[in-house]
Amino acid sequence: MSASLRYLALGDSYTICTGASDESHSWPSIISNRLASATDRQTTLVNPAHNGFTTLDLIRRELRHLDEFRPDFVTVLIGVNDLVQGRYIDQYRDSLVTIYDRIAALELAHGRAVAISIPTWSYVPEAMRFGGAELVQELTNSFNAAARKEAEARGFAWVDISVVSASAIGTPGWIASDDLHPGDTQYAAWADAIWESVRDSWSRVSP
């Protein structure tokens, strides 16, 4: 029997999928199931992400899974809490360098280390608490530009979910009841966009 494929999803509430009705509606779970179907291999998902985590929390609490789990595939979506907690972009970039360098050290096959953008969230009601839509969008764009540059410098795949995360505003299930996090419908849309980007490279797995 072929060994199980190992997928590690690193991040914050957008990766643990706060606001989803249950774990099966998280985008990492959806991706894991699609990977299993595409490869006809059992897939083990480890998702140590946590609500409220910054890049510093990820370094302290999640990076150990790289050595313990030895994943075949890694995604990382992190940064919105650095932004709302007032960390400077250079501080965010420095933390990302630590995170991305640790992932790069695994020397995964091309396309199997994936950095995902902070989604568009400037339209949610709770954005007003953090300076309003214009400021939130400006900061989100700047953080994403820094993340993309560092990811691509290491040969990571970059998946921008900015457009899809604002593509169905107002539809049922798009935003969770907390007026901040996505709901099931939006997380499913993210999964579609992410899988479309990684499907070819992730599906080419030897028996």
N, C-alpha and C. Protein backbone atom coordinates (compact mmCIF):
# COMPACT_ATOMS: atom_id res chain seq x y z
N MET A 1 0.84 -1.19 0.00
CA MET A 1 0.00 0.00 0.00
C MET A 1 0.88 1.24 0.00
N SER A 2 0.53 2.25 -0.79
CA SER A 2 1.30 3.48 -0.85
C SER A 2 1.19 4.24 0.46
N ALA A 3 2.27 4.92 0.81
CA ALA A 3 2.28 5.70 2.04
C ALA A 3 1.31 6.87 1.93
N SER A 4 0.79 7.29 3.06
CA SER A 4 -0.12 8.43 3.09
C SER A 4 0.60 9.69 2.68
N LEU A 5 -0.06 10.54 1.92
CA LEU A 5 0.46 11.86 1.61
C LEU A 5 0.22 12.78 2.80
N ARG A 6 1.17 13.65 3.07
CA ARG A 6 1.11 14.49 4.26
C ARG A 6 0.99 15.96 3.85
N TYR A 7 -0.07 16.60 4.30
CA TYR A 7 -0.33 18.00 3.96
C TYR A 7 -0.40 18.82 5.25
N LEU A 8 0.42 19.86 5.32
CA LEU A 8 0.47 20.75 6.48
C LEU A 8 -0.05 22.13 6.08
N ALA A 9 -1.06 22.61 6.79
CA ALA A 9 -1.65 23.93 6.54
C ALA A 9 -1.30 24.86 7.69
N LEU A 10 -0.47 25.85 7.42
CA LEU A 10 -0.02 26.79 8.45
C LEU A 10 -0.78 28.10 8.33
N GLY A 11 -1.08 28.72 9.47
CA GLY A 11 -1.75 30.01 9.37
C GLY A 11 -2.49 30.44 10.62
N ASP A 12 -3.55 31.21 10.39
CA ASP A 12 -4.32 31.82 11.47
C ASP A 12 -5.80 31.42 11.33
N SER A 13 -6.71 32.33 11.69
CA SER A 13 -8.13 31.98 11.62
C SER A 13 -8.60 31.69 10.20
N TYR A 14 -7.92 32.28 9.21
CA TYR A 14 -8.29 32.03 7.82
C TYR A 14 -7.89 30.63 7.36
N THR A 15 -7.03 29.96 8.12
CA THR A 15 -6.63 28.60 7.79
C THR A 15 -7.36 27.58 8.65
N ILE A 16 -7.54 27.88 9.94
CA ILE A 16 -8.35 26.99 10.76
C ILE A 16 -9.83 27.16 10.39
N CYS A 17 -10.10 28.29 9.69
CA CYS A 17 -11.42 28.57 9.11
C CYS A 17 -12.48 28.86 10.15
N THR A 18 -12.14 29.80 11.04
CA THR A 18 -13.12 30.35 11.95
C THR A 18 -14.30 30.90 11.14
N GLY A 19 -15.49 30.58 11.56
CA GLY A 19 -16.69 30.99 10.84
C GLY A 19 -17.32 29.89 10.03
N ALA A 20 -16.56 28.84 9.74
CA ALA A 20 -17.13 27.69 9.04
C ALA A 20 -18.04 26.91 9.98
N SER A 21 -19.02 26.25 9.40
CA SER A 21 -19.99 25.52 10.23
C SER A 21 -19.38 24.30 10.89
N ASP A 22 -18.39 23.69 10.25
CA ASP A 22 -17.65 22.60 10.85
C ASP A 22 -16.34 22.40 10.07
N GLU A 23 -15.50 21.53 10.58
CA GLU A 23 -14.16 21.35 10.01
C GLU A 23 -14.20 20.91 8.55
N SER A 24 -15.21 20.16 8.17
CA SER A 24 -15.27 19.66 6.80
C SER A 24 -15.44 20.78 5.79
N HIS A 25 -15.88 21.95 6.24
CA HIS A 25 -16.06 23.09 5.34
C HIS A 25 -14.85 24.02 5.33
N SER A 26 -13.79 23.65 6.02
CA SER A 26 -12.56 24.44 5.93
C SER A 26 -11.89 24.18 4.59
N TRP A 27 -11.27 25.22 4.04
CA TRP A 27 -10.64 25.00 2.74
C TRP A 27 -9.49 24.00 2.79
N PRO A 28 -8.67 23.90 3.88
CA PRO A 28 -7.64 22.85 3.89
C PRO A 28 -8.25 21.44 3.85
N SER A 29 -9.38 21.24 4.52
CA SER A 29 -10.03 19.93 4.47
C SER A 29 -10.52 19.61 3.07
N ILE A 30 -11.09 20.62 2.41
CA ILE A 30 -11.56 20.41 1.04
C ILE A 30 -10.38 20.09 0.13
N ILE A 31 -9.29 20.82 0.26
CA ILE A 31 -8.09 20.57 -0.55
C ILE A 31 -7.54 19.18 -0.28
N SER A 32 -7.49 18.79 0.99
CA SER A 32 -6.98 17.46 1.35
C SER A 32 -7.81 16.36 0.70
N ASN A 33 -9.12 16.52 0.71
CA ASN A 33 -10.00 15.52 0.10
C ASN A 33 -9.80 15.47 -1.41
N ARG A 34 -9.62 16.61 -2.03
CA ARG A 34 -9.40 16.63 -3.48
C ARG A 34 -8.05 16.02 -3.84
N LEU A 35 -7.06 16.25 -3.01
CA LEU A 35 -5.75 15.64 -3.23
C LEU A 35 -5.85 14.12 -3.16
N ALA A 36 -6.58 13.62 -2.19
CA ALA A 36 -6.76 12.18 -2.05
C ALA A 36 -7.47 11.60 -3.28
N SER A 37 -8.48 12.29 -3.76
CA SER A 37 -9.21 11.80 -4.93
C SER A 37 -8.34 11.85 -6.19
N ALA A 38 -7.57 12.92 -6.35
CA ALA A 38 -6.77 13.09 -7.56
C ALA A 38 -5.62 12.09 -7.64
N THR A 39 -5.10 11.69 -6.49
CA THR A 39 -3.94 10.79 -6.47
C THR A 39 -4.29 9.35 -6.12
N ASP A 40 -5.54 9.14 -5.68
CA ASP A 40 -5.96 7.83 -5.21
C ASP A 40 -5.05 7.36 -4.07
N ARG A 41 -4.70 8.31 -3.22
CA ARG A 41 -3.85 8.02 -2.06
C ARG A 41 -4.50 8.58 -0.79
N GLN A 42 -4.32 7.88 0.30
CA GLN A 42 -4.77 8.43 1.57
C GLN A 42 -3.98 9.71 1.85
N THR A 43 -4.66 10.72 2.37
CA THR A 43 -4.01 12.00 2.67
C THR A 43 -4.25 12.35 4.13
N THR A 44 -3.17 12.68 4.82
CA THR A 44 -3.25 13.10 6.22
C THR A 44 -3.04 14.60 6.29
N LEU A 45 -4.01 15.30 6.86
CA LEU A 45 -3.94 16.75 7.03
C LEU A 45 -3.61 17.09 8.47
N VAL A 46 -2.61 17.95 8.66
CA VAL A 46 -2.34 18.55 9.96
C VAL A 46 -2.56 20.06 9.81
N ASN A 47 -3.45 20.59 10.62
CA ASN A 47 -3.81 22.01 10.55
C ASN A 47 -3.67 22.61 11.95
N PRO A 48 -2.47 23.12 12.30
CA PRO A 48 -2.25 23.67 13.63
C PRO A 48 -2.58 25.16 13.74
N ALA A 49 -3.20 25.71 12.70
CA ALA A 49 -3.52 27.14 12.69
C ALA A 49 -4.43 27.49 13.87
N HIS A 50 -4.41 28.77 14.23
CA HIS A 50 -5.14 29.19 15.42
C HIS A 50 -5.68 30.59 15.22
N ASN A 51 -6.89 30.82 15.72
CA ASN A 51 -7.50 32.14 15.66
C ASN A 51 -6.60 33.18 16.34
N GLY A 52 -6.36 34.29 15.66
CA GLY A 52 -5.59 35.39 16.24
C GLY A 52 -4.09 35.31 16.08
N PHE A 53 -3.58 34.25 15.47
CA PHE A 53 -2.13 34.10 15.35
C PHE A 53 -1.52 35.12 14.40
N THR A 54 -0.39 35.67 14.82
CA THR A 54 0.46 36.48 13.95
C THR A 54 1.58 35.59 13.41
N THR A 55 2.43 36.18 12.57
CA THR A 55 3.60 35.44 12.11
C THR A 55 4.49 35.01 13.27
N LEU A 56 4.57 35.82 14.30
CA LEU A 56 5.39 35.46 15.47
C LEU A 56 4.83 34.23 16.18
N ASP A 57 3.51 34.16 16.30
CA ASP A 57 2.88 32.99 16.90
C ASP A 57 3.11 31.75 16.04
N LEU A 58 3.01 31.93 14.72
CA LEU A 58 3.25 30.79 13.83
C LEU A 58 4.66 30.25 14.02
N ILE A 59 5.63 31.15 14.12
CA ILE A 59 7.02 30.72 14.33
C ILE A 59 7.15 29.94 15.63
N ARG A 60 6.53 30.45 16.69
CA ARG A 60 6.66 29.81 18.00
C ARG A 60 5.88 28.51 18.12
N ARG A 61 4.72 28.44 17.49
CA ARG A 61 3.79 27.35 17.78
C ARG A 61 3.57 26.36 16.63
N GLU A 62 3.85 26.77 15.40
CA GLU A 62 3.49 25.91 14.27
C GLU A 62 4.68 25.34 13.50
N LEU A 63 5.79 26.06 13.47
CA LEU A 63 6.91 25.62 12.63
C LEU A 63 7.46 24.26 13.03
N ARG A 64 7.30 23.88 14.28
CA ARG A 64 7.82 22.58 14.72
C ARG A 64 7.21 21.43 13.93
N HIS A 65 6.02 21.64 13.39
CA HIS A 65 5.37 20.57 12.63
C HIS A 65 6.11 20.26 11.34
N LEU A 66 6.91 21.19 10.84
CA LEU A 66 7.69 20.91 9.64
C LEU A 66 8.64 19.74 9.88
N ASP A 67 9.27 19.72 11.05
CA ASP A 67 10.20 18.65 11.38
C ASP A 67 9.49 17.41 11.89
N GLU A 68 8.42 17.60 12.64
CA GLU A 68 7.72 16.46 13.24
C GLU A 68 6.87 15.71 12.23
N PHE A 69 6.24 16.42 11.33
CA PHE A 69 5.29 15.84 10.38
C PHE A 69 5.93 15.50 9.04
N ARG A 70 6.97 16.25 8.68
CA ARG A 70 7.67 16.06 7.40
C ARG A 70 6.68 16.03 6.24
N PRO A 71 6.01 17.15 6.01
CA PRO A 71 4.94 17.17 5.00
C PRO A 71 5.46 17.04 3.57
N ASP A 72 4.58 16.54 2.71
CA ASP A 72 4.83 16.52 1.27
C ASP A 72 4.33 17.79 0.62
N PHE A 73 3.39 18.46 1.27
CA PHE A 73 2.76 19.67 0.75
C PHE A 73 2.58 20.65 1.91
N VAL A 74 2.82 21.92 1.66
CA VAL A 74 2.65 22.95 2.70
C VAL A 74 1.95 24.15 2.10
N THR A 75 0.94 24.66 2.81
CA THR A 75 0.38 25.97 2.49
C THR A 75 0.57 26.87 3.69
N VAL A 76 0.74 28.17 3.43
CA VAL A 76 0.83 29.14 4.52
C VAL A 76 0.04 30.39 4.13
N LEU A 77 -0.88 30.75 5.01
CA LEU A 77 -1.69 31.96 4.84
C LEU A 77 -1.65 32.67 6.18
N ILE A 78 -0.89 33.75 6.27
CA ILE A 78 -0.66 34.41 7.55
C ILE A 78 -0.41 35.91 7.30
N GLY A 79 -0.88 36.74 8.22
CA GLY A 79 -0.55 38.15 8.12
C GLY A 79 -1.61 39.12 8.56
N VAL A 80 -2.88 38.74 8.52
CA VAL A 80 -3.91 39.72 8.84
C VAL A 80 -3.82 40.17 10.28
N ASN A 81 -3.39 39.30 11.18
CA ASN A 81 -3.30 39.71 12.58
C ASN A 81 -2.06 40.56 12.84
N ASP A 82 -0.99 40.36 12.07
CA ASP A 82 0.13 41.30 12.12
C ASP A 82 -0.37 42.70 11.74
N LEU A 83 -1.19 42.74 10.70
CA LEU A 83 -1.72 44.01 10.20
C LEU A 83 -2.58 44.69 11.25
N VAL A 84 -3.55 43.98 11.80
CA VAL A 84 -4.49 44.64 12.73
C VAL A 84 -3.85 44.94 14.07
N GLN A 85 -2.76 44.26 14.41
CA GLN A 85 -2.06 44.55 15.66
C GLN A 85 -1.00 45.64 15.49
N GLY A 86 -0.93 46.22 14.30
CA GLY A 86 -0.07 47.37 14.10
C GLY A 86 1.39 47.08 13.86
N ARG A 87 1.72 45.84 13.48
CA ARG A 87 3.11 45.55 13.15
C ARG A 87 3.47 46.23 11.83
N TYR A 88 4.69 46.70 11.76
CA TYR A 88 5.15 47.35 10.54
C TYR A 88 5.41 46.30 9.46
N ILE A 89 5.35 46.74 8.22
CA ILE A 89 5.53 45.80 7.12
C ILE A 89 6.91 45.17 7.14
N ASP A 90 7.93 45.92 7.56
CA ASP A 90 9.27 45.33 7.65
C ASP A 90 9.34 44.25 8.72
N GLN A 91 8.59 44.41 9.80
CA GLN A 91 8.53 43.38 10.83
C GLN A 91 7.84 42.14 10.28
N TYR A 92 6.77 42.36 9.55
CA TYR A 92 6.06 41.24 8.93
C TYR A 92 6.97 40.52 7.95
N ARG A 93 7.68 41.28 7.13
CA ARG A 93 8.58 40.66 6.15
C ARG A 93 9.67 39.85 6.85
N ASP A 94 10.23 40.37 7.91
CA ASP A 94 11.28 39.63 8.63
C ASP A 94 10.76 38.30 9.16
N SER A 95 9.55 38.31 9.69
CA SER A 95 8.96 37.07 10.18
C SER A 95 8.71 36.09 9.04
N LEU A 96 8.23 36.61 7.92
CA LEU A 96 7.99 35.74 6.77
C LEU A 96 9.27 35.09 6.28
N VAL A 97 10.37 35.84 6.31
CA VAL A 97 11.66 35.27 5.90
C VAL A 97 11.98 34.04 6.75
N THR A 98 11.75 34.14 8.05
CA THR A 98 11.99 32.99 8.93
C THR A 98 11.09 31.83 8.56
N ILE A 99 9.81 32.11 8.36
CA ILE A 99 8.84 31.06 8.03
C ILE A 99 9.16 30.42 6.69
N TYR A 100 9.33 31.24 5.69
CA TYR A 100 9.56 30.72 4.34
C TYR A 100 10.89 29.98 4.23
N ASP A 101 11.91 30.47 4.92
CA ASP A 101 13.20 29.77 4.87
C ASP A 101 13.10 28.38 5.50
N ARG A 102 12.33 28.26 6.56
CA ARG A 102 12.15 26.94 7.17
C ARG A 102 11.40 26.00 6.23
N ILE A 103 10.41 26.52 5.53
CA ILE A 103 9.68 25.70 4.57
C ILE A 103 10.58 25.33 3.40
N ALA A 104 11.34 26.29 2.91
CA ALA A 104 12.24 26.04 1.78
C ALA A 104 13.26 24.97 2.09
N ALA A 105 13.66 24.88 3.36
CA ALA A 105 14.67 23.88 3.76
C ALA A 105 14.18 22.45 3.57
N LEU A 106 12.86 22.26 3.45
CA LEU A 106 12.32 20.92 3.19
C LEU A 106 12.63 20.45 1.78
N GLU A 107 12.92 21.40 0.89
CA GLU A 107 13.23 21.09 -0.51
C GLU A 107 12.11 20.25 -1.15
N LEU A 108 10.90 20.74 -0.99
CA LEU A 108 9.75 20.07 -1.59
C LEU A 108 9.80 20.20 -3.11
N ALA A 109 9.12 19.28 -3.78
CA ALA A 109 9.04 19.34 -5.23
C ALA A 109 8.38 20.64 -5.66
N HIS A 110 8.67 21.06 -6.87
CA HIS A 110 8.16 22.33 -7.40
C HIS A 110 6.63 22.40 -7.28
N GLY A 111 6.15 23.51 -6.73
CA GLY A 111 4.72 23.73 -6.61
C GLY A 111 4.08 23.20 -5.35
N ARG A 112 4.85 22.52 -4.52
CA ARG A 112 4.25 21.91 -3.33
C ARG A 112 4.40 22.76 -2.07
N ALA A 113 5.14 23.85 -2.15
CA ALA A 113 5.15 24.87 -1.10
C ALA A 113 4.37 26.06 -1.64
N VAL A 114 3.30 26.42 -0.95
CA VAL A 114 2.35 27.39 -1.49
C VAL A 114 2.09 28.50 -0.47
N ALA A 115 2.28 29.73 -0.90
CA ALA A 115 1.93 30.90 -0.09
C ALA A 115 0.65 31.48 -0.64
N ILE A 116 -0.26 31.81 0.25
CA ILE A 116 -1.59 32.30 -0.14
C ILE A 116 -1.77 33.71 0.41
N SER A 117 -2.33 34.58 -0.40
CA SER A 117 -2.51 35.98 0.00
C SER A 117 -3.50 36.12 1.15
N ILE A 118 -3.36 37.22 1.87
CA ILE A 118 -4.42 37.64 2.78
C ILE A 118 -5.63 37.96 1.92
N PRO A 119 -6.80 37.48 2.25
CA PRO A 119 -7.98 37.76 1.42
C PRO A 119 -8.41 39.22 1.52
N THR A 120 -9.24 39.62 0.60
CA THR A 120 -9.89 40.93 0.70
C THR A 120 -10.93 40.86 1.82
N TRP A 121 -10.80 41.75 2.79
CA TRP A 121 -11.75 41.76 3.90
C TRP A 121 -12.18 43.19 4.25
N SER A 122 -11.80 44.15 3.42
CA SER A 122 -12.10 45.55 3.70
C SER A 122 -13.61 45.84 3.68
N TYR A 123 -14.40 44.95 3.06
CA TYR A 123 -15.84 45.19 2.94
C TYR A 123 -16.64 44.66 4.12
N VAL A 124 -16.02 43.89 5.01
CA VAL A 124 -16.80 43.31 6.11
C VAL A 124 -17.10 44.40 7.15
N PRO A 125 -18.23 44.31 7.84
CA PRO A 125 -18.59 45.35 8.82
C PRO A 125 -17.50 45.62 9.86
N GLU A 126 -16.81 44.60 10.29
CA GLU A 126 -15.81 44.76 11.34
C GLU A 126 -14.57 45.53 10.88
N ALA A 127 -14.41 45.73 9.57
CA ALA A 127 -13.25 46.48 9.07
C ALA A 127 -13.24 47.91 9.61
N MET A 128 -14.41 48.44 9.95
CA MET A 128 -14.48 49.81 10.49
C MET A 128 -13.70 49.94 11.78
N ARG A 129 -13.56 48.85 12.52
CA ARG A 129 -12.81 48.89 13.78
C ARG A 129 -11.31 49.07 13.55
N PHE A 130 -10.87 48.82 12.33
CA PHE A 130 -9.45 48.84 12.05
C PHE A 130 -9.07 49.92 11.05
N GLY A 131 -9.83 51.01 11.05
CA GLY A 131 -9.48 52.15 10.23
C GLY A 131 -10.33 52.36 9.01
N GLY A 132 -11.26 51.46 8.74
CA GLY A 132 -12.14 51.63 7.60
C GLY A 132 -11.65 50.92 6.35
N ALA A 133 -12.52 50.84 5.37
CA ALA A 133 -12.26 50.03 4.18
C ALA A 133 -11.03 50.47 3.41
N GLU A 134 -10.86 51.76 3.22
CA GLU A 134 -9.74 52.24 2.40
C GLU A 134 -8.40 51.91 3.03
N LEU A 135 -8.25 52.17 4.33
CA LEU A 135 -6.99 51.88 5.01
C LEU A 135 -6.74 50.38 5.06
N VAL A 136 -7.77 49.61 5.39
CA VAL A 136 -7.62 48.16 5.46
C VAL A 136 -7.16 47.60 4.11
N GLN A 137 -7.75 48.07 3.02
CA GLN A 137 -7.36 47.57 1.71
C GLN A 137 -5.94 47.97 1.34
N GLU A 138 -5.57 49.20 1.67
CA GLU A 138 -4.21 49.66 1.38
C GLU A 138 -3.18 48.81 2.12
N LEU A 139 -3.41 48.56 3.39
CA LEU A 139 -2.48 47.77 4.18
C LEU A 139 -2.45 46.32 3.71
N THR A 140 -3.61 45.76 3.40
CA THR A 140 -3.68 44.39 2.91
C THR A 140 -2.88 44.25 1.62
N ASN A 141 -3.03 45.19 0.71
CA ASN A 141 -2.27 45.15 -0.55
C ASN A 141 -0.76 45.19 -0.30
N SER A 142 -0.34 46.04 0.63
CA SER A 142 1.09 46.16 0.93
C SER A 142 1.65 44.89 1.55
N PHE A 143 0.90 44.32 2.48
CA PHE A 143 1.35 43.07 3.11
C PHE A 143 1.41 41.95 2.08
N ASN A 144 0.42 41.89 1.20
CA ASN A 144 0.42 40.84 0.18
C ASN A 144 1.59 41.00 -0.79
N ALA A 145 1.92 42.22 -1.14
CA ALA A 145 3.04 42.45 -2.05
C ALA A 145 4.35 41.96 -1.43
N ALA A 146 4.52 42.20 -0.14
CA ALA A 146 5.72 41.73 0.54
C ALA A 146 5.77 40.21 0.59
N ALA A 147 4.62 39.60 0.90
CA ALA A 147 4.56 38.14 0.99
C ALA A 147 4.83 37.51 -0.37
N ARG A 148 4.26 38.07 -1.41
CA ARG A 148 4.46 37.50 -2.75
C ARG A 148 5.94 37.57 -3.16
N LYS A 149 6.57 38.69 -2.90
CA LYS A 149 7.96 38.85 -3.28
C LYS A 149 8.84 37.82 -2.59
N GLU A 150 8.64 37.63 -1.29
CA GLU A 150 9.46 36.67 -0.54
C GLU A 150 9.14 35.23 -0.95
N ALA A 151 7.88 34.95 -1.23
CA ALA A 151 7.50 33.59 -1.64
C ALA A 151 8.11 33.24 -2.99
N GLU A 152 7.96 34.13 -3.94
CA GLU A 152 8.46 33.84 -5.28
C GLU A 152 9.99 33.80 -5.32
N ALA A 153 10.65 34.53 -4.43
CA ALA A 153 12.10 34.48 -4.36
C ALA A 153 12.61 33.11 -3.96
N ARG A 154 11.74 32.34 -3.30
CA ARG A 154 12.11 30.98 -2.87
C ARG A 154 11.50 29.91 -3.76
N GLY A 155 10.87 30.32 -4.83
CA GLY A 155 10.29 29.36 -5.76
C GLY A 155 8.98 28.78 -5.30
N PHE A 156 8.32 29.41 -4.33
CA PHE A 156 7.02 28.94 -3.88
C PHE A 156 5.95 29.32 -4.90
N ALA A 157 4.90 28.53 -4.96
CA ALA A 157 3.72 28.94 -5.70
C ALA A 157 3.02 30.05 -4.92
N TRP A 158 2.50 31.02 -5.62
CA TRP A 158 1.75 32.11 -4.99
C TRP A 158 0.31 32.05 -5.48
N VAL A 159 -0.62 32.01 -4.54
CA VAL A 159 -2.04 31.98 -4.89
C VAL A 159 -2.69 33.23 -4.31
N ASP A 160 -3.20 34.08 -5.19
CA ASP A 160 -3.86 35.32 -4.78
C ASP A 160 -5.37 35.09 -4.72
N ILE A 161 -5.92 35.15 -3.52
CA ILE A 161 -7.37 34.95 -3.36
C ILE A 161 -8.10 36.27 -3.16
N SER A 162 -7.44 37.38 -3.50
CA SER A 162 -8.05 38.70 -3.29
C SER A 162 -9.37 38.83 -4.05
N VAL A 163 -9.36 38.47 -5.31
CA VAL A 163 -10.55 38.65 -6.13
C VAL A 163 -11.67 37.70 -5.70
N VAL A 164 -11.33 36.43 -5.53
CA VAL A 164 -12.37 35.46 -5.19
C VAL A 164 -12.99 35.76 -3.83
N SER A 165 -12.21 36.31 -2.91
CA SER A 165 -12.75 36.58 -1.58
C SER A 165 -13.74 37.73 -1.54
N ALA A 166 -13.82 38.48 -2.65
CA ALA A 166 -14.81 39.55 -2.75
C ALA A 166 -15.78 39.33 -3.91
N SER A 167 -15.83 38.11 -4.41
CA SER A 167 -16.56 37.85 -5.65
C SER A 167 -18.05 37.61 -5.47
N ALA A 168 -18.50 37.36 -4.26
CA ALA A 168 -19.93 37.06 -4.07
C ALA A 168 -20.46 37.71 -2.80
N ILE A 169 -20.05 38.95 -2.59
CA ILE A 169 -20.50 39.69 -1.42
C ILE A 169 -22.03 39.76 -1.41
N GLY A 170 -22.61 39.43 -0.26
CA GLY A 170 -24.06 39.50 -0.11
C GLY A 170 -24.76 38.17 -0.29
N THR A 171 -24.07 37.17 -0.80
CA THR A 171 -24.72 35.87 -0.96
C THR A 171 -24.76 35.14 0.38
N PRO A 172 -25.76 34.29 0.58
CA PRO A 172 -25.88 33.56 1.85
C PRO A 172 -24.63 32.74 2.15
N GLY A 173 -24.18 32.84 3.39
CA GLY A 173 -23.03 32.06 3.82
C GLY A 173 -21.69 32.66 3.46
N TRP A 174 -21.68 33.83 2.85
CA TRP A 174 -20.40 34.43 2.42
C TRP A 174 -19.61 34.97 3.61
N ILE A 175 -20.30 35.61 4.55
CA ILE A 175 -19.68 36.11 5.77
C ILE A 175 -20.34 35.43 6.96
N ALA A 176 -19.52 35.07 7.94
CA ALA A 176 -20.02 34.40 9.14
C ALA A 176 -20.80 35.39 10.02
N SER A 177 -21.45 34.86 11.02
CA SER A 177 -22.29 35.68 11.89
C SER A 177 -21.51 36.68 12.73
N ASP A 178 -20.17 36.52 12.80
CA ASP A 178 -19.36 37.48 13.56
C ASP A 178 -19.06 38.75 12.76
N ASP A 179 -19.56 38.83 11.52
CA ASP A 179 -19.35 39.99 10.65
C ASP A 179 -17.88 40.25 10.34
N LEU A 180 -17.07 39.22 10.45
CA LEU A 180 -15.64 39.37 10.19
C LEU A 180 -15.08 38.24 9.33
N HIS A 181 -15.32 37.01 9.76
CA HIS A 181 -14.74 35.87 9.08
C HIS A 181 -15.62 35.38 7.93
N PRO A 182 -15.03 34.66 6.99
CA PRO A 182 -15.84 34.06 5.93
C PRO A 182 -16.77 32.99 6.48
N GLY A 183 -17.79 32.68 5.70
CA GLY A 183 -18.66 31.54 5.99
C GLY A 183 -18.35 30.40 5.04
N ASP A 184 -19.16 29.36 5.12
CA ASP A 184 -18.90 28.15 4.32
C ASP A 184 -18.79 28.44 2.82
N THR A 185 -19.67 29.29 2.32
CA THR A 185 -19.69 29.56 0.88
C THR A 185 -18.38 30.18 0.42
N GLN A 186 -17.87 31.13 1.20
CA GLN A 186 -16.62 31.78 0.81
C GLN A 186 -15.42 30.84 0.94
N TYR A 187 -15.38 30.07 2.02
CA TYR A 187 -14.26 29.11 2.16
C TYR A 187 -14.26 28.10 1.02
N ALA A 188 -15.43 27.70 0.57
CA ALA A 188 -15.51 26.77 -0.58
C ALA A 188 -14.96 27.43 -1.84
N ALA A 189 -15.25 28.72 -2.01
CA ALA A 189 -14.73 29.44 -3.17
C ALA A 189 -13.21 29.55 -3.11
N TRP A 190 -12.67 29.77 -1.91
CA TRP A 190 -11.21 29.79 -1.76
C TRP A 190 -10.63 28.44 -2.16
N ALA A 191 -11.26 27.38 -1.67
CA ALA A 191 -10.77 26.04 -1.99
C ALA A 191 -10.72 25.81 -3.49
N ASP A 192 -11.75 26.25 -4.18
CA ASP A 192 -11.78 26.10 -5.64
C ASP A 192 -10.61 26.83 -6.28
N ALA A 193 -10.37 28.06 -5.85
CA ALA A 193 -9.30 28.86 -6.44
C ALA A 193 -7.92 28.28 -6.12
N ILE A 194 -7.74 27.85 -4.89
CA ILE A 194 -6.45 27.28 -4.49
C ILE A 194 -6.20 25.97 -5.21
N TRP A 195 -7.20 25.10 -5.25
CA TRP A 195 -7.03 23.82 -5.92
C TRP A 195 -6.76 24.00 -7.41
N GLU A 196 -7.42 24.94 -8.03
CA GLU A 196 -7.17 25.21 -9.45
C GLU A 196 -5.71 25.58 -9.68
N SER A 197 -5.11 26.29 -8.74
CA SER A 197 -3.72 26.73 -8.88
C SER A 197 -2.72 25.61 -8.61
N VAL A 198 -3.05 24.69 -7.70
CA VAL A 198 -2.06 23.68 -7.30
C VAL A 198 -2.33 22.30 -7.87
N ARG A 199 -3.47 22.12 -8.50
CA ARG A 199 -3.91 20.77 -8.88
C ARG A 199 -2.86 20.02 -9.71
N ASP A 200 -2.31 20.65 -10.72
CA ASP A 200 -1.37 19.94 -11.60
C ASP A 200 -0.12 19.50 -10.85
N SER A 201 0.48 20.39 -10.08
CA SER A 201 1.71 20.04 -9.39
C SER A 201 1.46 19.09 -8.22
N TRP A 202 0.31 19.21 -7.57
CA TRP A 202 0.03 18.34 -6.42
C TRP A 202 -0.45 16.96 -6.84
N SER A 203 -0.99 16.86 -8.03
CA SER A 203 -1.53 15.57 -8.47
C SER A 203 -0.46 14.66 -9.06
N ARG A 204 0.71 15.21 -9.39
CA ARG A 204 1.77 14.39 -9.97
C ARG A 204 2.57 13.74 -8.85
N VAL A 205 2.03 12.69 -8.31
CA VAL A 205 2.66 11.97 -7.20
C VAL A 205 2.90 10.54 -7.62
N SER A 206 4.12 10.07 -7.43
CA SER A 206 4.44 8.69 -7.78
C SER A 206 3.69 7.73 -6.87
N PRO A 207 3.31 6.55 -7.37
CA PRO A 207 2.59 5.57 -6.55
C PRO A 207 3.43 5.16 -5.34
